[in-house]
């Protein structure tokens, strides 16, 4: 799976304090671009780790990419008004 600047811009970590970043979520998974994984850590079940390069990871990345494009298009439309 290739690196996507659009996805990282929308779903990448957000700075919450000096030197502290918070990972974002997508479809119930924490998105970690550094480790290239989707993660879910439910309290009552085993943790789920999905690599971007796995079949499920590629499917989630494709859906995430569409969502990122849609979100940026909305921002552009609001800016143009």
N, C-alpha and C. Protein backbone atom coordinates (compact mmCIF):
# COMPACT_ATOMS: atom_id res chain seq x y z
N UNK A 1 0.85 -1.18 0.00
CA UNK A 1 0.00 0.00 0.00
C UNK A 1 0.89 1.24 0.00
N UNK A 2 0.60 2.15 -0.87
CA UNK A 2 1.38 3.37 -0.99
C UNK A 2 0.97 4.38 0.09
N UNK A 3 1.79 5.39 0.28
CA UNK A 3 1.51 6.45 1.25
C UNK A 3 0.61 7.49 0.60
N UNK A 4 -0.42 7.93 1.32
CA UNK A 4 -1.36 8.90 0.77
C UNK A 4 -1.36 10.16 1.65
N UNK A 5 -0.87 11.26 1.08
CA UNK A 5 -0.82 12.52 1.82
C UNK A 5 -2.21 13.04 2.16
N UNK A 6 -3.18 12.77 1.28
CA UNK A 6 -4.55 13.24 1.53
C UNK A 6 -5.11 12.56 2.77
N UNK A 7 -4.98 11.23 2.84
CA UNK A 7 -5.48 10.49 4.01
C UNK A 7 -4.76 10.91 5.28
N UNK A 8 -3.45 11.09 5.18
CA UNK A 8 -2.69 11.49 6.36
C UNK A 8 -3.07 12.89 6.83
N UNK A 9 -3.38 13.77 5.89
CA UNK A 9 -3.78 15.13 6.27
C UNK A 9 -5.11 15.12 7.02
N UNK A 10 -6.05 14.28 6.57
CA UNK A 10 -7.39 14.25 7.17
C UNK A 10 -7.42 13.37 8.42
N UNK A 11 -6.83 12.17 8.34
CA UNK A 11 -6.94 11.20 9.43
C UNK A 11 -5.64 10.97 10.20
N UNK A 12 -4.63 11.79 9.93
CA UNK A 12 -3.36 11.66 10.63
C UNK A 12 -3.44 12.20 12.04
N UNK A 13 -2.38 12.01 12.83
CA UNK A 13 -2.39 12.47 14.22
C UNK A 13 -2.57 13.98 14.31
N UNK A 14 -3.29 14.41 15.34
CA UNK A 14 -3.54 15.84 15.58
C UNK A 14 -2.80 16.27 16.84
N UNK A 15 -2.15 17.41 16.79
CA UNK A 15 -1.44 17.94 17.95
C UNK A 15 -2.46 18.40 18.98
N UNK A 16 -2.33 17.90 20.21
CA UNK A 16 -3.23 18.34 21.28
C UNK A 16 -2.51 19.14 22.35
N UNK A 17 -1.18 19.07 22.36
CA UNK A 17 -0.35 19.86 23.27
C UNK A 17 1.05 19.88 22.67
N UNK A 18 1.92 20.66 23.28
CA UNK A 18 3.28 20.76 22.77
C UNK A 18 3.95 19.38 22.78
N UNK A 19 4.25 18.87 21.60
CA UNK A 19 4.92 17.58 21.48
C UNK A 19 4.04 16.37 21.70
N UNK A 20 2.72 16.56 21.86
CA UNK A 20 1.80 15.45 22.11
C UNK A 20 0.80 15.38 20.95
N UNK A 21 0.76 14.22 20.30
CA UNK A 21 -0.17 14.00 19.21
C UNK A 21 -1.19 12.94 19.58
N UNK A 22 -2.41 13.08 19.08
CA UNK A 22 -3.47 12.12 19.31
C UNK A 22 -3.82 11.46 17.98
N UNK A 23 -3.81 10.11 17.98
CA UNK A 23 -4.18 9.38 16.77
C UNK A 23 -5.67 9.53 16.54
N UNK A 24 -6.06 9.62 15.27
CA UNK A 24 -7.46 9.78 14.89
C UNK A 24 -8.10 8.41 14.66
N UNK A 25 -9.41 8.40 14.58
CA UNK A 25 -10.13 7.15 14.34
C UNK A 25 -10.88 7.21 13.01
N UNK A 26 -11.11 6.02 12.46
CA UNK A 26 -11.91 5.88 11.25
C UNK A 26 -12.64 4.55 11.32
N UNK A 27 -13.96 4.58 11.16
CA UNK A 27 -14.80 3.36 11.20
C UNK A 27 -14.54 2.51 12.45
N UNK A 28 -14.31 3.17 13.57
CA UNK A 28 -14.11 2.45 14.82
C UNK A 28 -12.70 1.96 15.06
N UNK A 29 -11.80 2.24 14.15
CA UNK A 29 -10.39 1.84 14.30
C UNK A 29 -9.53 3.06 14.53
N UNK A 30 -8.52 2.94 15.38
CA UNK A 30 -7.50 3.96 15.51
C UNK A 30 -6.58 3.81 14.30
N UNK A 31 -6.25 4.92 13.67
CA UNK A 31 -5.41 4.89 12.47
C UNK A 31 -4.00 5.31 12.84
N UNK A 32 -3.03 4.41 12.61
CA UNK A 32 -1.63 4.70 12.91
C UNK A 32 -0.83 4.64 11.61
N UNK A 33 -0.50 5.82 11.07
CA UNK A 33 0.22 5.87 9.80
C UNK A 33 1.68 5.49 9.98
N UNK A 34 2.23 5.70 11.15
CA UNK A 34 3.63 5.34 11.38
C UNK A 34 3.81 3.83 11.36
N UNK A 35 2.93 3.08 12.03
CA UNK A 35 3.00 1.62 12.02
C UNK A 35 2.22 1.01 10.86
N UNK A 36 1.47 1.87 10.12
CA UNK A 36 0.68 1.44 8.97
C UNK A 36 -0.34 0.38 9.37
N UNK A 37 -1.16 0.74 10.39
CA UNK A 37 -2.15 -0.19 10.93
C UNK A 37 -3.44 0.53 11.30
N UNK A 38 -4.52 -0.24 11.24
CA UNK A 38 -5.77 0.11 11.90
C UNK A 38 -5.80 -0.73 13.16
N UNK A 39 -6.20 -0.12 14.28
CA UNK A 39 -6.25 -0.86 15.55
C UNK A 39 -7.57 -0.63 16.24
N UNK A 40 -8.05 -1.69 16.88
CA UNK A 40 -9.23 -1.60 17.72
C UNK A 40 -8.91 -2.32 19.02
N UNK A 41 -9.16 -1.65 20.14
CA UNK A 41 -8.85 -2.22 21.45
C UNK A 41 -10.11 -2.24 22.31
N UNK A 42 -11.05 -3.13 21.99
CA UNK A 42 -12.29 -3.18 22.78
C UNK A 42 -12.00 -3.70 24.19
N UNK A 43 -12.78 -3.24 25.15
CA UNK A 43 -12.57 -3.65 26.54
C UNK A 43 -12.93 -5.11 26.78
N UNK A 44 -13.94 -5.61 26.08
CA UNK A 44 -14.44 -6.95 26.36
C UNK A 44 -14.03 -7.99 25.31
N UNK A 45 -13.07 -7.67 24.46
CA UNK A 45 -12.63 -8.62 23.44
C UNK A 45 -11.13 -8.44 23.18
N UNK A 46 -10.61 -9.32 22.38
CA UNK A 46 -9.19 -9.24 22.04
C UNK A 46 -8.93 -8.05 21.12
N UNK A 47 -7.73 -7.47 21.21
CA UNK A 47 -7.38 -6.37 20.32
C UNK A 47 -7.35 -6.84 18.86
N UNK A 48 -7.64 -5.91 17.96
CA UNK A 48 -7.61 -6.20 16.52
C UNK A 48 -6.58 -5.27 15.88
N UNK A 49 -5.64 -5.85 15.15
CA UNK A 49 -4.63 -5.10 14.42
C UNK A 49 -4.74 -5.47 12.95
N UNK A 50 -4.95 -4.48 12.10
CA UNK A 50 -5.09 -4.72 10.66
C UNK A 50 -4.03 -3.90 9.94
N UNK A 51 -3.08 -4.58 9.32
CA UNK A 51 -2.03 -3.90 8.56
C UNK A 51 -2.62 -3.29 7.29
N UNK A 52 -2.12 -2.13 6.91
CA UNK A 52 -2.58 -1.48 5.69
C UNK A 52 -2.40 -2.39 4.47
N UNK A 53 -1.37 -3.24 4.48
CA UNK A 53 -1.06 -4.08 3.32
C UNK A 53 -1.88 -5.37 3.25
N UNK A 54 -2.68 -5.66 4.28
CA UNK A 54 -3.54 -6.84 4.23
C UNK A 54 -4.76 -6.54 3.37
N UNK A 55 -5.49 -7.58 2.98
CA UNK A 55 -6.68 -7.39 2.14
C UNK A 55 -7.70 -6.49 2.84
N UNK A 56 -8.01 -6.78 4.11
CA UNK A 56 -8.96 -5.94 4.86
C UNK A 56 -8.42 -4.52 5.02
N UNK A 57 -7.10 -4.41 5.24
CA UNK A 57 -6.48 -3.09 5.38
C UNK A 57 -6.58 -2.27 4.11
N UNK A 58 -6.38 -2.92 2.96
CA UNK A 58 -6.50 -2.21 1.68
C UNK A 58 -7.94 -1.76 1.44
N UNK A 59 -8.89 -2.59 1.84
CA UNK A 59 -10.30 -2.20 1.70
C UNK A 59 -10.62 -1.00 2.58
N UNK A 60 -10.16 -1.04 3.85
CA UNK A 60 -10.37 0.10 4.75
C UNK A 60 -9.67 1.35 4.25
N UNK A 61 -8.47 1.19 3.70
CA UNK A 61 -7.74 2.35 3.15
C UNK A 61 -8.50 2.97 1.99
N UNK A 62 -9.09 2.14 1.13
CA UNK A 62 -9.85 2.66 -0.01
C UNK A 62 -11.07 3.46 0.47
N UNK A 63 -11.78 2.93 1.47
CA UNK A 63 -12.94 3.64 2.01
C UNK A 63 -12.49 4.92 2.72
N UNK A 64 -11.38 4.84 3.45
CA UNK A 64 -10.86 6.00 4.15
C UNK A 64 -10.44 7.08 3.14
N UNK A 65 -9.85 6.66 2.03
CA UNK A 65 -9.43 7.62 1.00
C UNK A 65 -10.65 8.36 0.43
N UNK A 66 -11.72 7.63 0.14
CA UNK A 66 -12.94 8.26 -0.36
C UNK A 66 -13.49 9.26 0.65
N UNK A 67 -13.49 8.86 1.93
CA UNK A 67 -13.99 9.76 2.98
C UNK A 67 -13.11 11.00 3.10
N UNK A 68 -11.80 10.83 2.96
CA UNK A 68 -10.88 11.98 3.04
C UNK A 68 -11.12 12.94 1.88
N UNK A 69 -11.30 12.40 0.67
CA UNK A 69 -11.57 13.24 -0.50
C UNK A 69 -12.88 14.00 -0.30
N UNK A 70 -13.92 13.30 0.16
CA UNK A 70 -15.21 13.96 0.39
C UNK A 70 -15.10 15.06 1.43
N UNK A 71 -14.37 14.81 2.49
CA UNK A 71 -14.21 15.81 3.55
C UNK A 71 -13.46 17.03 3.02
N UNK A 72 -12.42 16.82 2.24
CA UNK A 72 -11.68 17.96 1.68
C UNK A 72 -12.52 18.72 0.66
N UNK A 73 -13.31 18.01 -0.15
CA UNK A 73 -14.19 18.68 -1.11
C UNK A 73 -15.21 19.58 -0.40
N UNK A 74 -15.73 19.11 0.74
CA UNK A 74 -16.67 19.93 1.51
C UNK A 74 -15.98 21.19 2.02
N UNK A 75 -14.74 21.06 2.50
CA UNK A 75 -14.01 22.23 2.98
C UNK A 75 -13.76 23.22 1.84
N UNK A 76 -13.44 22.69 0.67
CA UNK A 76 -13.19 23.57 -0.49
C UNK A 76 -14.49 24.28 -0.88
N UNK A 77 -15.59 23.55 -0.88
CA UNK A 77 -16.88 24.15 -1.24
C UNK A 77 -17.26 25.24 -0.25
N UNK A 78 -17.03 25.01 1.05
CA UNK A 78 -17.34 26.02 2.06
C UNK A 78 -16.43 27.24 1.91
N UNK A 79 -15.19 27.00 1.53
CA UNK A 79 -14.23 28.09 1.36
C UNK A 79 -14.60 28.95 0.16
N UNK A 80 -15.13 28.32 -0.90
CA UNK A 80 -15.46 29.04 -2.13
C UNK A 80 -16.68 29.91 -1.99
N UNK A 81 -17.49 29.68 -0.98
CA UNK A 81 -18.74 30.44 -0.83
C UNK A 81 -18.48 31.85 -0.40
